[in-house]
Amino acid sequence: MAEEKESAYVRSGRLFAALAVLQCLSSSDRGPATPDRFPAKHGAAERISDVQRDLYEKLTKLRGREERHWEAAAEIFRSVADFLTPAPVPTHCFNAPQLAEHKAGYDAQMAAYREKYPGLLQ
């Protein structure tokens, strides 16, 4: 779960990680999307928009997969609200420190998922 005092950039990285894992679990051909997949000029909102596309279809597809995939996906989906704040997700281009915070949030959340769901993510 995200810490209350985390910056909007760290939280956006955590949110990106959650949605990237849902995307990954719904397809068996690749690992989760990473922040490095996007140029720095893409802000958090654009990155998040990319991985949350077709979320309903992804969840429906996951419902038919192995139980461990579905259980992880359902729990991750329920946790998405934990990464949202009253302020909107940053929409502007990242500068270097903001991008570093976004990546740190992503890395922290991915580490938590890999620990909680061993063998499910590469």
PDB file of N, CA and C in Angstrom:
ATOM      1  N   MET A   1       0.841  -1.173   0.000  1.00  0.00           N
ATOM      2  CA  MET A   1       0.000   0.000   0.000  1.00  0.00           C
ATOM      3  C   MET A   1       0.888   1.238   0.000  1.00  0.00           C
ATOM      4  N   ALA A   2       0.434   2.281  -0.634  1.00  0.00           N
ATOM      5  CA  ALA A   2       1.181   3.524  -0.728  1.00  0.00           C
ATOM      6  C   ALA A   2       1.185   4.249   0.610  1.00  0.00           C
ATOM      7  N   GLU A   3       2.274   4.911   0.888  1.00  0.00           N
ATOM      8  CA  GLU A   3       2.378   5.726   2.086  1.00  0.00           C
ATOM      9  C   GLU A   3       1.674   7.052   1.854  1.00  0.00           C
ATOM     10  N   GLU A   4       1.017   7.593   2.882  1.00  0.00           N
ATOM     11  CA  GLU A   4       0.288   8.842   2.757  1.00  0.00           C
ATOM     12  C   GLU A   4       1.172  10.008   2.348  1.00  0.00           C
ATOM     13  N   LYS A   5       2.433  10.004   2.730  1.00  0.00           N
ATOM     14  CA  LYS A   5       3.312  11.138   2.482  1.00  0.00           C
ATOM     15  C   LYS A   5       4.076  11.044   1.169  1.00  0.00           C
ATOM     16  N   GLU A   6       3.808  10.064   0.368  1.00  0.00           N
ATOM     17  CA  GLU A   6       4.503   9.932  -0.908  1.00  0.00           C
ATOM     18  C   GLU A   6       4.063  11.041  -1.857  1.00  0.00           C
ATOM     19  N   SER A   7       4.977  11.442  -2.709  1.00  0.00           N
ATOM     20  CA  SER A   7       4.675  12.486  -3.680  1.00  0.00           C
ATOM     21  C   SER A   7       3.727  11.956  -4.752  1.00  0.00           C
ATOM     22  N   ALA A   8       3.144  12.877  -5.494  1.00  0.00           N
ATOM     23  CA  ALA A   8       2.266  12.500  -6.608  1.00  0.00           C
ATOM     24  C   ALA A   8       3.025  11.688  -7.645  1.00  0.00           C
ATOM     25  N   TYR A   9       4.323  11.937  -7.785  1.00  0.00           N
ATOM     26  CA  TYR A   9       5.126  11.220  -8.782  1.00  0.00           C
ATOM     27  C   TYR A   9       5.383   9.782  -8.346  1.00  0.00           C
ATOM     28  N   VAL A  10       5.655   9.573  -7.071  1.00  0.00           N
ATOM     29  CA  VAL A  10       5.843   8.217  -6.554  1.00  0.00           C
ATOM     30  C   VAL A  10       4.532   7.446  -6.673  1.00  0.00           C
ATOM     31  N   ARG A  11       3.443   8.078  -6.268  1.00  0.00           N
ATOM     32  CA  ARG A  11       2.134   7.407  -6.352  1.00  0.00           C
ATOM     33  C   ARG A  11       1.769   7.088  -7.800  1.00  0.00           C
ATOM     34  N   SER A  12       2.116   7.988  -8.719  1.00  0.00           N
ATOM     35  CA  SER A  12       1.816   7.708 -10.128  1.00  0.00           C
ATOM     36  C   SER A  12       2.625   6.513 -10.617  1.00  0.00           C
ATOM     37  N   GLY A  13       3.846   6.353 -10.111  1.00  0.00           N
ATOM     38  CA  GLY A  13       4.647   5.179 -10.451  1.00  0.00           C
ATOM     39  C   GLY A  13       4.037   3.896  -9.905  1.00  0.00           C
ATOM     40  N   ARG A  14       3.511   3.969  -8.691  1.00  0.00           N
ATOM     41  CA  ARG A  14       2.843   2.804  -8.097  1.00  0.00           C
ATOM     42  C   ARG A  14       1.580   2.449  -8.885  1.00  0.00           C
ATOM     43  N   LEU A  15       0.808   3.461  -9.249  1.00  0.00           N
ATOM     44  CA  LEU A  15      -0.406   3.235 -10.038  1.00  0.00           C
ATOM     45  C   LEU A  15      -0.059   2.628 -11.395  1.00  0.00           C
ATOM     46  N   PHE A  16       0.967   3.172 -12.028  1.00  0.00           N
ATOM     47  CA  PHE A  16       1.427   2.631 -13.306  1.00  0.00           C
ATOM     48  C   PHE A  16       1.810   1.163 -13.153  1.00  0.00           C
ATOM     49  N   ALA A  17       2.509   0.822 -12.071  1.00  0.00           N
ATOM     50  CA  ALA A  17       2.915  -0.571 -11.833  1.00  0.00           C
ATOM     51  C   ALA A  17       1.691  -1.472 -11.690  1.00  0.00           C
ATOM     52  N   ALA A  18       0.696  -1.034 -10.925  1.00  0.00           N
ATOM     53  CA  ALA A  18      -0.503  -1.855 -10.725  1.00  0.00           C
ATOM     54  C   ALA A  18      -1.196  -2.132 -12.050  1.00  0.00           C
ATOM     55  N   LEU A  19      -1.366  -1.100 -12.853  1.00  0.00           N
ATOM     56  CA  LEU A  19      -2.045  -1.278 -14.133  1.00  0.00           C
ATOM     57  C   LEU A  19      -1.198  -2.076 -15.119  1.00  0.00           C
ATOM     58  N   ALA A  20       0.120  -1.890 -15.067  1.00  0.00           N
ATOM     59  CA  ALA A  20       1.015  -2.661 -15.947  1.00  0.00           C
ATOM     60  C   ALA A  20       0.969  -4.148 -15.589  1.00  0.00           C
ATOM     61  N   VAL A  21       0.864  -4.458 -14.308  1.00  0.00           N
ATOM     62  CA  VAL A  21       0.779  -5.864 -13.890  1.00  0.00           C
ATOM     63  C   VAL A  21      -0.547  -6.473 -14.356  1.00  0.00           C
ATOM     64  N   LEU A  22      -1.635  -5.720 -14.237  1.00  0.00           N
ATOM     65  CA  LEU A  22      -2.915  -6.228 -14.737  1.00  0.00           C
ATOM     66  C   LEU A  22      -2.829  -6.511 -16.234  1.00  0.00           C
ATOM     67  N   GLN A  23      -2.192  -5.612 -16.955  1.00  0.00           N
ATOM     68  CA  GLN A  23      -2.004  -5.802 -18.391  1.00  0.00           C
ATOM     69  C   GLN A  23      -1.166  -7.053 -18.659  1.00  0.00           C
ATOM     70  N   CYS A  24      -0.102  -7.208 -17.902  1.00  0.00           N
ATOM     71  CA  CYS A  24       0.803  -8.344 -18.077  1.00  0.00           C
ATOM     72  C   CYS A  24       0.106  -9.668 -17.757  1.00  0.00           C
ATOM     73  N   LEU A  25      -0.624  -9.711 -16.656  1.00  0.00           N
ATOM     74  CA  LEU A  25      -1.283 -10.953 -16.256  1.00  0.00           C
ATOM     75  C   LEU A  25      -2.344 -11.391 -17.264  1.00  0.00           C
ATOM     76  N   SER A  26      -2.896 -10.425 -18.003  1.00  0.00           N
ATOM     77  CA  SER A  26      -3.939 -10.776 -18.962  1.00  0.00           C
ATOM     78  C   SER A  26      -3.369 -11.320 -20.272  1.00  0.00           C
ATOM     79  N   SER A  27      -2.059 -11.220 -20.442  1.00  0.00           N
ATOM     80  CA  SER A  27      -1.430 -11.795 -21.634  1.00  0.00           C
ATOM     81  C   SER A  27      -0.196 -12.569 -21.193  1.00  0.00           C
ATOM     82  N   SER A  28       0.071 -13.649 -21.840  1.00  0.00           N
ATOM     83  CA  SER A  28       1.176 -14.509 -21.406  1.00  0.00           C
ATOM     84  C   SER A  28       2.453 -14.290 -22.200  1.00  0.00           C
ATOM     85  N   ASP A  29       2.475 -13.277 -23.064  1.00  0.00           N
ATOM     86  CA  ASP A  29       3.622 -13.162 -23.965  1.00  0.00           C
ATOM     87  C   ASP A  29       4.667 -12.133 -23.580  1.00  0.00           C
ATOM     88  N   ARG A  30       4.528 -11.426 -22.446  1.00  0.00           N
ATOM     89  CA  ARG A  30       5.521 -10.410 -22.096  1.00  0.00           C
ATOM     90  C   ARG A  30       5.450 -10.068 -20.613  1.00  0.00           C
ATOM     91  N   GLY A  31       6.491  -9.395 -20.156  1.00  0.00           N
ATOM     92  CA  GLY A  31       6.496  -8.901 -18.788  1.00  0.00           C
ATOM     93  C   GLY A  31       5.763  -7.576 -18.707  1.00  0.00           C
ATOM     94  N   PRO A  32       5.634  -7.042 -17.510  1.00  0.00           N
ATOM     95  CA  PRO A  32       4.931  -5.775 -17.348  1.00  0.00           C
ATOM     96  C   PRO A  32       5.635  -4.624 -18.063  1.00  0.00           C
ATOM     97  N   ALA A  33       4.849  -3.663 -18.515  1.00  0.00           N
ATOM     98  CA  ALA A  33       5.416  -2.447 -19.099  1.00  0.00           C
ATOM     99  C   ALA A  33       6.251  -1.743 -18.037  1.00  0.00           C
ATOM    100  N   THR A  34       7.293  -1.072 -18.471  1.00  0.00           N
ATOM    101  CA  THR A  34       8.154  -0.338 -17.542  1.00  0.00           C
ATOM    102  C   THR A  34       8.128   1.149 -17.884  1.00  0.00           C
ATOM    103  N   PRO A  35       8.472   1.994 -16.934  1.00  0.00           N
ATOM    104  CA  PRO A  35       8.524   3.424 -17.221  1.00  0.00           C
ATOM    105  C   PRO A  35       9.508   3.768 -18.335  1.00  0.00           C
ATOM    106  N   ASP A  36      10.536   2.966 -18.512  1.00  0.00           N
ATOM    107  CA  ASP A  36      11.541   3.227 -19.545  1.00  0.00           C
ATOM    108  C   ASP A  36      11.002   3.023 -20.954  1.00  0.00           C
ATOM    109  N   ARG A  37       9.841   2.437 -21.066  1.00  0.00           N
ATOM    110  CA  ARG A  37       9.223   2.219 -22.369  1.00  0.00           C
ATOM    111  C   ARG A  37       8.766   3.532 -23.015  1.00  0.00           C
ATOM    112  N   PHE A  38       8.636   4.565 -22.212  1.00  0.00           N
ATOM    113  CA  PHE A  38       8.125   5.848 -22.673  1.00  0.00           C
ATOM    114  C   PHE A  38       9.220   6.912 -22.645  1.00  0.00           C
ATOM    115  N   PRO A  39       9.172   7.868 -23.576  1.00  0.00           N
ATOM    116  CA  PRO A  39      10.113   8.985 -23.495  1.00  0.00           C
ATOM    117  C   PRO A  39       9.768   9.869 -22.291  1.00  0.00           C
ATOM    118  N   ALA A  40      10.744  10.572 -21.757  1.00  0.00           N
ATOM    119  CA  ALA A  40      10.546  11.420 -20.579  1.00  0.00           C
ATOM    120  C   ALA A  40       9.466  12.466 -20.816  1.00  0.00           C
ATOM    121  N   LYS A  41       9.240  12.842 -22.074  1.00  0.00           N
ATOM    122  CA  LYS A  41       8.233  13.866 -22.355  1.00  0.00           C
ATOM    123  C   LYS A  41       6.814  13.395 -22.060  1.00  0.00           C
ATOM    124  N   HIS A  42       6.611  12.086 -21.907  1.00  0.00           N
ATOM    125  CA  HIS A  42       5.293  11.567 -21.561  1.00  0.00           C
ATOM    126  C   HIS A  42       5.117  11.661 -20.051  1.00  0.00           C
ATOM    127  N   GLY A  43       4.116  12.389 -19.633  1.00  0.00           N
ATOM    128  CA  GLY A  43       3.819  12.517 -18.210  1.00  0.00           C
ATOM    129  C   GLY A  43       3.135  11.275 -17.669  1.00  0.00           C
ATOM    130  N   ALA A  44       2.877  11.297 -16.372  1.00  0.00           N
ATOM    131  CA  ALA A  44       2.265  10.144 -15.717  1.00  0.00           C
ATOM    132  C   ALA A  44       0.907   9.808 -16.300  1.00  0.00           C
ATOM    133  N   ALA A  45       0.090  10.819 -16.566  1.00  0.00           N
ATOM    134  CA  ALA A  45      -1.259  10.557 -17.074  1.00  0.00           C
ATOM    135  C   ALA A  45      -1.211   9.819 -18.410  1.00  0.00           C
ATOM    136  N   GLU A  46      -0.315  10.201 -19.279  1.00  0.00           N
ATOM    137  CA  GLU A  46      -0.202   9.542 -20.583  1.00  0.00           C
ATOM    138  C   GLU A  46       0.286   8.097 -20.437  1.00  0.00           C
ATOM    139  N   ARG A  47       1.234   7.880 -19.540  1.00  0.00           N
ATOM    140  CA  ARG A  47       1.748   6.529 -19.305  1.00  0.00           C
ATOM    141  C   ARG A  47       0.647   5.632 -18.741  1.00  0.00           C
ATOM    142  N   ILE A  48      -0.070   6.164 -17.762  1.00  0.00           N
ATOM    143  CA  ILE A  48      -1.134   5.397 -17.110  1.00  0.00           C
ATOM    144  C   ILE A  48      -2.253   5.107 -18.097  1.00  0.00           C
ATOM    145  N   SER A  49      -2.590   6.078 -18.912  1.00  0.00           N
ATOM    146  CA  SER A  49      -3.627   5.886 -19.922  1.00  0.00           C
ATOM    147  C   SER A  49      -3.269   4.725 -20.855  1.00  0.00           C
ATOM    148  N   ASP A  50      -2.000   4.624 -21.195  1.00  0.00           N
ATOM    149  CA  ASP A  50      -1.562   3.563 -22.103  1.00  0.00           C
ATOM    150  C   ASP A  50      -1.777   2.178 -21.505  1.00  0.00           C
ATOM    151  N   VAL A  51      -1.454   1.992 -20.232  1.00  0.00           N
ATOM    152  CA  VAL A  51      -1.561   0.649 -19.644  1.00  0.00           C
ATOM    153  C   VAL A  51      -2.954   0.329 -19.118  1.00  0.00           C
ATOM    154  N   GLN A  52      -3.810   1.332 -18.959  1.00  0.00           N
ATOM    155  CA  GLN A  52      -5.155   1.031 -18.449  1.00  0.00           C
ATOM    156  C   GLN A  52      -6.178   0.818 -19.556  1.00  0.00           C
ATOM    157  N   ARG A  53      -5.751   0.967 -20.794  1.00  0.00           N
ATOM    158  CA  ARG A  53      -6.677   0.743 -21.912  1.00  0.00           C
ATOM    159  C   ARG A  53      -7.290  -0.651 -21.840  1.00  0.00           C
ATOM    160  N   ASP A  54      -8.563  -0.708 -22.155  1.00  0.00           N
ATOM    161  CA  ASP A  54      -9.280  -1.991 -22.225  1.00  0.00           C
ATOM    162  C   ASP A  54      -9.223  -2.776 -20.919  1.00  0.00           C
ATOM    163  N   LEU A  55      -9.268  -2.073 -19.798  1.00  0.00           N
ATOM    164  CA  LEU A  55      -9.152  -2.731 -18.504  1.00  0.00           C
ATOM    165  C   LEU A  55     -10.263  -3.762 -18.282  1.00  0.00           C
ATOM    166  N   TYR A  56     -11.474  -3.446 -18.682  1.00  0.00           N
ATOM    167  CA  TYR A  56     -12.574  -4.395 -18.527  1.00  0.00           C
ATOM    168  C   TYR A  56     -12.276  -5.699 -19.273  1.00  0.00           C
ATOM    169  N   GLU A  57     -11.814  -5.567 -20.512  1.00  0.00           N
ATOM    170  CA  GLU A  57     -11.506  -6.754 -21.305  1.00  0.00           C
ATOM    171  C   GLU A  57     -10.378  -7.562 -20.672  1.00  0.00           C
ATOM    172  N   LYS A  58      -9.386  -6.856 -20.127  1.00  0.00           N
ATOM    173  CA  LYS A  58      -8.267  -7.549 -19.474  1.00  0.00           C
ATOM    174  C   LYS A  58      -8.752  -8.328 -18.258  1.00  0.00           C
ATOM    175  N   LEU A  59      -9.601  -7.704 -17.451  1.00  0.00           N
ATOM    176  CA  LEU A  59     -10.117  -8.392 -16.266  1.00  0.00           C
ATOM    177  C   LEU A  59     -10.995  -9.575 -16.660  1.00  0.00           C
ATOM    178  N   THR A  60     -11.792  -9.410 -17.687  1.00  0.00           N
ATOM    179  CA  THR A  60     -12.628 -10.516 -18.160  1.00  0.00           C
ATOM    180  C   THR A  60     -11.764 -11.680 -18.624  1.00  0.00           C
ATOM    181  N   LYS A  61     -10.707 -11.366 -19.347  1.00  0.00           N
ATOM    182  CA  LYS A  61      -9.787 -12.407 -19.813  1.00  0.00           C
ATOM    183  C   LYS A  61      -9.110 -13.102 -18.623  1.00  0.00           C
ATOM    184  N   LEU A  62      -8.727 -12.320 -17.626  1.00  0.00           N
ATOM    185  CA  LEU A  62      -8.074 -12.888 -16.452  1.00  0.00           C
ATOM    186  C   LEU A  62      -9.006 -13.808 -15.677  1.00  0.00           C
ATOM    187  N   ARG A  63     -10.284 -13.536 -15.700  1.00  0.00           N
ATOM    188  CA  ARG A  63     -11.249 -14.362 -14.968  1.00  0.00           C
ATOM    189  C   ARG A  63     -11.210 -15.800 -15.452  1.00  0.00           C
ATOM    190  N   GLY A  64     -10.839 -15.987 -16.714  1.00  0.00           N
ATOM    191  CA  GLY A  64     -10.776 -17.330 -17.274  1.00  0.00           C
ATOM    192  C   GLY A  64      -9.424 -18.005 -17.141  1.00  0.00           C
ATOM    193  N   ARG A  65      -8.442 -17.312 -16.588  1.00  0.00           N
ATOM    194  CA  ARG A  65      -7.104 -17.902 -16.442  1.00  0.00           C
ATOM    195  C   ARG A  65      -7.012 -18.677 -15.139  1.00  0.00           C
ATOM    196  N   GLU A  66      -5.814 -19.151 -14.852  1.00  0.00           N
ATOM    197  CA  GLU A  66      -5.595 -19.896 -13.613  1.00  0.00           C
ATOM    198  C   GLU A  66      -6.046 -19.076 -12.404  1.00  0.00           C
ATOM    199  N   GLU A  67      -6.473 -19.774 -11.369  1.00  0.00           N
ATOM    200  CA  GLU A  67      -6.984 -19.117 -10.161  1.00  0.00           C
ATOM    201  C   GLU A  67      -5.962 -18.158  -9.552  1.00  0.00           C
ATOM    202  N   ARG A  68      -4.685 -18.527  -9.559  1.00  0.00           N
ATOM    203  CA  ARG A  68      -3.675 -17.647  -8.951  1.00  0.00           C
ATOM    204  C   ARG A  68      -3.547 -16.334  -9.713  1.00  0.00           C
ATOM    205  N   HIS A  69      -3.722 -16.375 -11.050  1.00  0.00           N
ATOM    206  CA  HIS A  69      -3.711 -15.146 -11.844  1.00  0.00           C
ATOM    207  C   HIS A  69      -4.900 -14.267 -11.471  1.00  0.00           C
ATOM    208  N   TRP A  70      -6.064 -14.896 -11.383  1.00  0.00           N
ATOM    209  CA  TRP A  70      -7.271 -14.138 -11.073  1.00  0.00           C
ATOM    210  C   TRP A  70      -7.202 -13.555  -9.666  1.00  0.00           C
ATOM    211  N   GLU A  71      -6.773 -14.328  -8.698  1.00  0.00           N
ATOM    212  CA  GLU A  71      -6.700 -13.828  -7.323  1.00  0.00           C
ATOM    213  C   GLU A  71      -5.750 -12.640  -7.219  1.00  0.00           C
ATOM    214  N   ALA A  72      -4.598 -12.735  -7.861  1.00  0.00           N
ATOM    215  CA  ALA A  72      -3.651 -11.618  -7.849  1.00  0.00           C
ATOM    216  C   ALA A  72      -4.254 -10.405  -8.546  1.00  0.00           C
ATOM    217  N   ALA A  73      -4.855 -10.613  -9.696  1.00  0.00           N
ATOM    218  CA  ALA A  73      -5.437  -9.501 -10.452  1.00  0.00           C
ATOM    219  C   ALA A  73      -6.562  -8.827  -9.675  1.00  0.00           C
ATOM    220  N   ALA A  74      -7.411  -9.601  -9.052  1.00  0.00           N
ATOM    221  CA  ALA A  74      -8.526  -9.027  -8.291  1.00  0.00           C
ATOM    222  C   ALA A  74      -8.004  -8.179  -7.128  1.00  0.00           C
ATOM    223  N   GLU A  75      -7.005  -8.679  -6.446  1.00  0.00           N
ATOM    224  CA  GLU A  75      -6.443  -7.930  -5.324  1.00  0.00           C
ATOM    225  C   GLU A  75      -5.739  -6.661  -5.809  1.00  0.00           C
ATOM    226  N   ILE A  76      -5.002  -6.766  -6.888  1.00  0.00           N
ATOM    227  CA  ILE A  76      -4.312  -5.594  -7.445  1.00  0.00           C
ATOM    228  C   ILE A  76      -5.329  -4.568  -7.927  1.00  0.00           C
ATOM    229  N   PHE A  77      -6.378  -5.016  -8.595  1.00  0.00           N
ATOM    230  CA  PHE A  77      -7.406  -4.098  -9.068  1.00  0.00           C
ATOM    231  C   PHE A  77      -8.042  -3.347  -7.898  1.00  0.00           C
ATOM    232  N   ARG A  78      -8.345  -4.051  -6.827  1.00  0.00           N
ATOM    233  CA  ARG A  78      -8.939  -3.403  -5.654  1.00  0.00           C
ATOM    234  C   ARG A  78      -7.991  -2.387  -5.024  1.00  0.00           C
ATOM    235  N   SER A  79      -6.690  -2.583  -5.186  1.00  0.00           N
ATOM    236  CA  SER A  79      -5.709  -1.680  -4.569  1.00  0.00           C
ATOM    237  C   SER A  79      -5.478  -0.399  -5.360  1.00  0.00           C
ATOM    238  N   VAL A  80      -5.961  -0.332  -6.587  1.00  0.00           N
ATOM    239  CA  VAL A  80      -5.710   0.838  -7.436  1.00  0.00           C
ATOM    240  C   VAL A  80      -6.134   2.127  -6.734  1.00  0.00           C
ATOM    241  N   ALA A  81      -7.243   2.112  -6.037  1.00  0.00           N
ATOM    242  CA  ALA A  81      -7.716   3.320  -5.343  1.00  0.00           C
ATOM    243  C   ALA A  81      -6.718   3.820  -4.295  1.00  0.00           C
ATOM    244  N   ASP A  82      -5.895   2.936  -3.758  1.00  0.00           N
ATOM    245  CA  ASP A  82      -4.902   3.343  -2.758  1.00  0.00           C
ATOM    246  C   ASP A  82      -3.857   4.298  -3.329  1.00  0.00           C
ATOM    247  N   PHE A  83      -3.675   4.279  -4.634  1.00  0.00           N
ATOM    248  CA  PHE A  83      -2.639   5.109  -5.257  1.00  0.00           C
ATOM    249  C   PHE A  83      -3.168   6.443  -5.759  1.00  0.00           C
ATOM    250  N   LEU A  84      -4.457   6.663  -5.608  1.00  0.00           N
ATOM    251  CA  LEU A  84      -5.060   7.902  -6.072  1.00  0.00           C
ATOM    252  C   LEU A  84      -5.123   8.912  -4.933  1.00  0.00           C
ATOM    253  N   THR A  85      -4.960  10.160  -5.287  1.00  0.00           N
ATOM    254  CA  THR A  85      -5.047  11.248  -4.318  1.00  0.00           C
ATOM    255  C   THR A  85      -6.127  12.217  -4.803  1.00  0.00           C
ATOM    256  N   PRO A  86      -6.536  13.153  -3.941  1.00  0.00           N
ATOM    257  CA  PRO A  86      -7.508  14.147  -4.408  1.00  0.00           C
ATOM    258  C   PRO A  86      -6.986  14.970  -5.593  1.00  0.00           C
ATOM    259  N   ALA A  87      -5.687  15.158  -5.653  1.00  0.00           N
ATOM    260  CA  ALA A  87      -5.092  15.885  -6.781  1.00  0.00           C
ATOM    261  C   ALA A  87      -5.011  14.940  -7.979  1.00  0.00           C
ATOM    262  N   PRO A  88      -5.149  15.475  -9.193  1.00  0.00           N
ATOM    263  CA  PRO A  88      -5.057  14.603 -10.368  1.00  0.00           C
ATOM    264  C   PRO A  88      -3.642  14.072 -10.574  1.00  0.00           C
ATOM    265  N   VAL A  89      -3.554  13.003 -11.341  1.00  0.00           N
ATOM    266  CA  VAL A  89      -2.251  12.458 -11.723  1.00  0.00           C
ATOM    267  C   VAL A  89      -1.531  13.527 -12.540  1.00  0.00           C
ATOM    268  N   PRO A  90      -0.235  13.737 -12.302  1.00  0.00           N
ATOM    269  CA  PRO A  90       0.488  14.761 -13.067  1.00  0.00           C
ATOM    270  C   PRO A  90       0.405  14.516 -14.575  1.00  0.00           C
ATOM    271  N   THR A  91       0.080  15.574 -15.309  1.00  0.00           N
ATOM    272  CA  THR A  91      -0.080  15.452 -16.751  1.00  0.00           C
ATOM    273  C   THR A  91       1.089  16.029 -17.536  1.00  0.00           C
ATOM    274  N   HIS A  92       1.907  16.822 -16.887  1.00  0.00           N
ATOM    275  CA  HIS A  92       3.005  17.492 -17.590  1.00  0.00           C
ATOM    276  C   HIS A  92       4.189  16.550 -17.807  1.00  0.00           C
ATOM    277  N   CYS A  93       5.094  16.977 -18.668  1.00  0.00           N
ATOM    278  CA  CYS A  93       6.331  16.220 -18.913  1.00  0.00           C
ATOM    279  C   CYS A  93       7.124  16.136 -17.618  1.00  0.00           C
ATOM    280  N   PHE A  94       7.811  15.029 -17.419  1.00  0.00           N
ATOM    281  CA  PHE A  94       8.650  14.861 -16.239  1.00  0.00           C
ATOM    282  C   PHE A  94       9.974  15.593 -16.415  1.00  0.00           C
ATOM    283  N   ASN A  95      10.461  16.211 -15.346  1.00  0.00           N
ATOM    284  CA  ASN A  95      11.861  16.603 -15.333  1.00  0.00           C
ATOM    285  C   ASN A  95      12.613  15.429 -14.701  1.00  0.00           C
ATOM    286  N   ALA A  96      13.931  15.491 -14.651  1.00  0.00           N
ATOM    287  CA  ALA A  96      14.720  14.339 -14.174  1.00  0.00           C
ATOM    288  C   ALA A  96      14.351  13.905 -12.758  1.00  0.00           C
ATOM    289  N   PRO A  97      14.231  14.815 -11.777  1.00  0.00           N
ATOM    290  CA  PRO A  97      13.864  14.358 -10.425  1.00  0.00           C
ATOM    291  C   PRO A  97      12.451  13.761 -10.357  1.00  0.00           C
ATOM    292  N   GLN A  98      11.515  14.320 -11.101  1.00  0.00           N
ATOM    293  CA  GLN A  98      10.150  13.785 -11.105  1.00  0.00           C
ATOM    294  C   GLN A  98      10.107  12.394 -11.731  1.00  0.00           C
ATOM    295  N   LEU A  99      10.841  12.212 -12.818  1.00  0.00           N
ATOM    296  CA  LEU A  99      10.904  10.904 -13.459  1.00  0.00           C
ATOM    297  C   LEU A  99      11.547   9.883 -12.509  1.00  0.00           C
ATOM    298  N   ALA A 100      12.575  10.305 -11.783  1.00  0.00           N
ATOM    299  CA  ALA A 100      13.217   9.411 -10.815  1.00  0.00           C
ATOM    300  C   ALA A 100      12.226   8.998  -9.721  1.00  0.00           C
ATOM    301  N   GLU A 101      11.395   9.919  -9.263  1.00  0.00           N
ATOM    302  CA  GLU A 101      10.382   9.581  -8.254  1.00  0.00           C
ATOM    303  C   GLU A 101       9.347   8.616  -8.827  1.00  0.00           C
ATOM    304  N   HIS A 102       8.920   8.870 -10.052  1.00  0.00           N
ATOM    305  CA  HIS A 102       7.950   7.988 -10.722  1.00  0.00           C
ATOM    306  C   HIS A 102       8.529   6.571 -10.824  1.00  0.00           C
ATOM    307  N   LYS A 103       9.773   6.465 -11.266  1.00  0.00           N
ATOM    308  CA  LYS A 103      10.414   5.155 -11.397  1.00  0.00           C
ATOM    309  C   LYS A 103      10.588   4.486 -10.030  1.00  0.00           C
ATOM    310  N   ALA A 104      10.899   5.288  -9.003  1.00  0.00           N
ATOM    311  CA  ALA A 104      11.052   4.726  -7.654  1.00  0.00           C
ATOM    312  C   ALA A 104       9.727   4.141  -7.161  1.00  0.00           C
ATOM    313  N   GLY A 105       8.627   4.832  -7.427  1.00  0.00           N
ATOM    314  CA  GLY A 105       7.314   4.306  -7.050  1.00  0.00           C
ATOM    315  C   GLY A 105       7.002   3.015  -7.785  1.00  0.00           C
ATOM    316  N   TYR A 106       7.308   2.996  -9.081  1.00  0.00           N
ATOM    317  CA  TYR A 106       7.113   1.791  -9.895  1.00  0.00           C
ATOM    318  C   TYR A 106       7.941   0.637  -9.332  1.00  0.00           C
ATOM    319  N   ASP A 107       9.230   0.899  -9.103  1.00  0.00           N
ATOM    320  CA  ASP A 107      10.125  -0.157  -8.615  1.00  0.00           C
ATOM    321  C   ASP A 107       9.670  -0.694  -7.263  1.00  0.00           C
ATOM    322  N   ALA A 108       9.250   0.199  -6.368  1.00  0.00           N
ATOM    323  CA  ALA A 108       8.796  -0.227  -5.042  1.00  0.00           C
ATOM    324  C   ALA A 108       7.545  -1.097  -5.147  1.00  0.00           C
ATOM    325  N   GLN A 109       6.624  -0.701  -6.003  1.00  0.00           N
ATOM    326  CA  GLN A 109       5.394  -1.474  -6.138  1.00  0.00           C
ATOM    327  C   GLN A 109       5.645  -2.812  -6.812  1.00  0.00           C
ATOM    328  N   MET A 110       6.513  -2.818  -7.816  1.00  0.00           N
ATOM    329  CA  MET A 110       6.843  -4.087  -8.476  1.00  0.00           C
ATOM    330  C   MET A 110       7.535  -5.039  -7.506  1.00  0.00           C
ATOM    331  N   ALA A 111       8.420  -4.508  -6.671  1.00  0.00           N
ATOM    332  CA  ALA A 111       9.090  -5.354  -5.666  1.00  0.00           C
ATOM    333  C   ALA A 111       8.051  -5.953  -4.716  1.00  0.00           C
ATOM    334  N   ALA A 112       7.072  -5.160  -4.325  1.00  0.00           N
ATOM    335  CA  ALA A 112       6.017  -5.662  -3.431  1.00  0.00           C
ATOM    336  C   ALA A 112       5.206  -6.761  -4.116  1.00  0.00           C
ATOM    337  N   TYR A 113       4.880  -6.570  -5.400  1.00  0.00           N
ATOM    338  CA  TYR A 113       4.122  -7.591  -6.125  1.00  0.00           C
ATOM    339  C   TYR A 113       4.944  -8.858  -6.317  1.00  0.00           C
ATOM    340  N   ARG A 114       6.214  -8.715  -6.624  1.00  0.00           N
ATOM    341  CA  ARG A 114       7.055  -9.914  -6.822  1.00  0.00           C
ATOM    342  C   ARG A 114       7.198 -10.710  -5.522  1.00  0.00           C
ATOM    343  N   GLU A 115       7.237  -9.993  -4.416  1.00  0.00           N
ATOM    344  CA  GLU A 115       7.320 -10.671  -3.114  1.00  0.00           C
ATOM    345  C   GLU A 115       5.982 -11.352  -2.775  1.00  0.00           C
ATOM    346  N   LYS A 116       4.906 -10.669  -3.022  1.00  0.00           N
ATOM    347  CA  LYS A 116       3.586 -11.192  -2.667  1.00  0.00           C
ATOM    348  C   LYS A 116       3.114 -12.308  -3.603  1.00  0.00           C
ATOM    349  N   TYR A 117       3.512 -12.221  -4.881  1.00  0.00           N
ATOM    350  CA  TYR A 117       3.078 -13.185  -5.890  1.00  0.00           C
ATOM    351  C   TYR A 117       4.299 -13.827  -6.561  1.00  0.00           C
ATOM    352  N   PRO A 118       5.082 -14.611  -5.822  1.00  0.00           N
ATOM    353  CA  PRO A 118       6.297 -15.178  -6.406  1.00  0.00           C
ATOM    354  C   PRO A 118       5.993 -16.077  -7.604  1.00  0.00           C
ATOM    355  N   GLY A 119       6.808 -15.912  -8.635  1.00  0.00           N
ATOM    356  CA  GLY A 119       6.679 -16.727  -9.828  1.00  0.00           C
ATOM    357  C   GLY A 119       5.628 -16.242 -10.814  1.00  0.00           C
ATOM    358  N   LEU A 120       4.848 -15.251 -10.443  1.00  0.00           N
ATOM    359  CA  LEU A 120       3.793 -14.771 -11.329  1.00  0.00           C
ATOM    360  C   LEU A 120       4.305 -13.718 -12.304  1.00  0.00           C
ATOM    361  N   LEU A 121       5.328 -12.975 -11.896  1.00  0.00           N
ATOM    362  CA  LEU A 121       5.878 -11.914 -12.729  1.00  0.00           C
ATOM    363  C   LEU A 121       7.346 -12.179 -13.018  1.00  0.00           C
ATOM    364  N   GLN A 122       7.778 -11.884 -14.241  1.00  0.00           N
ATOM    365  CA  GLN A 122       9.191 -12.050 -14.593  1.00  0.00           C
ATOM    366  C   GLN A 122       9.952 -10.805 -14.218  1.00  0.00           C
TER     367      GLN A 122
END
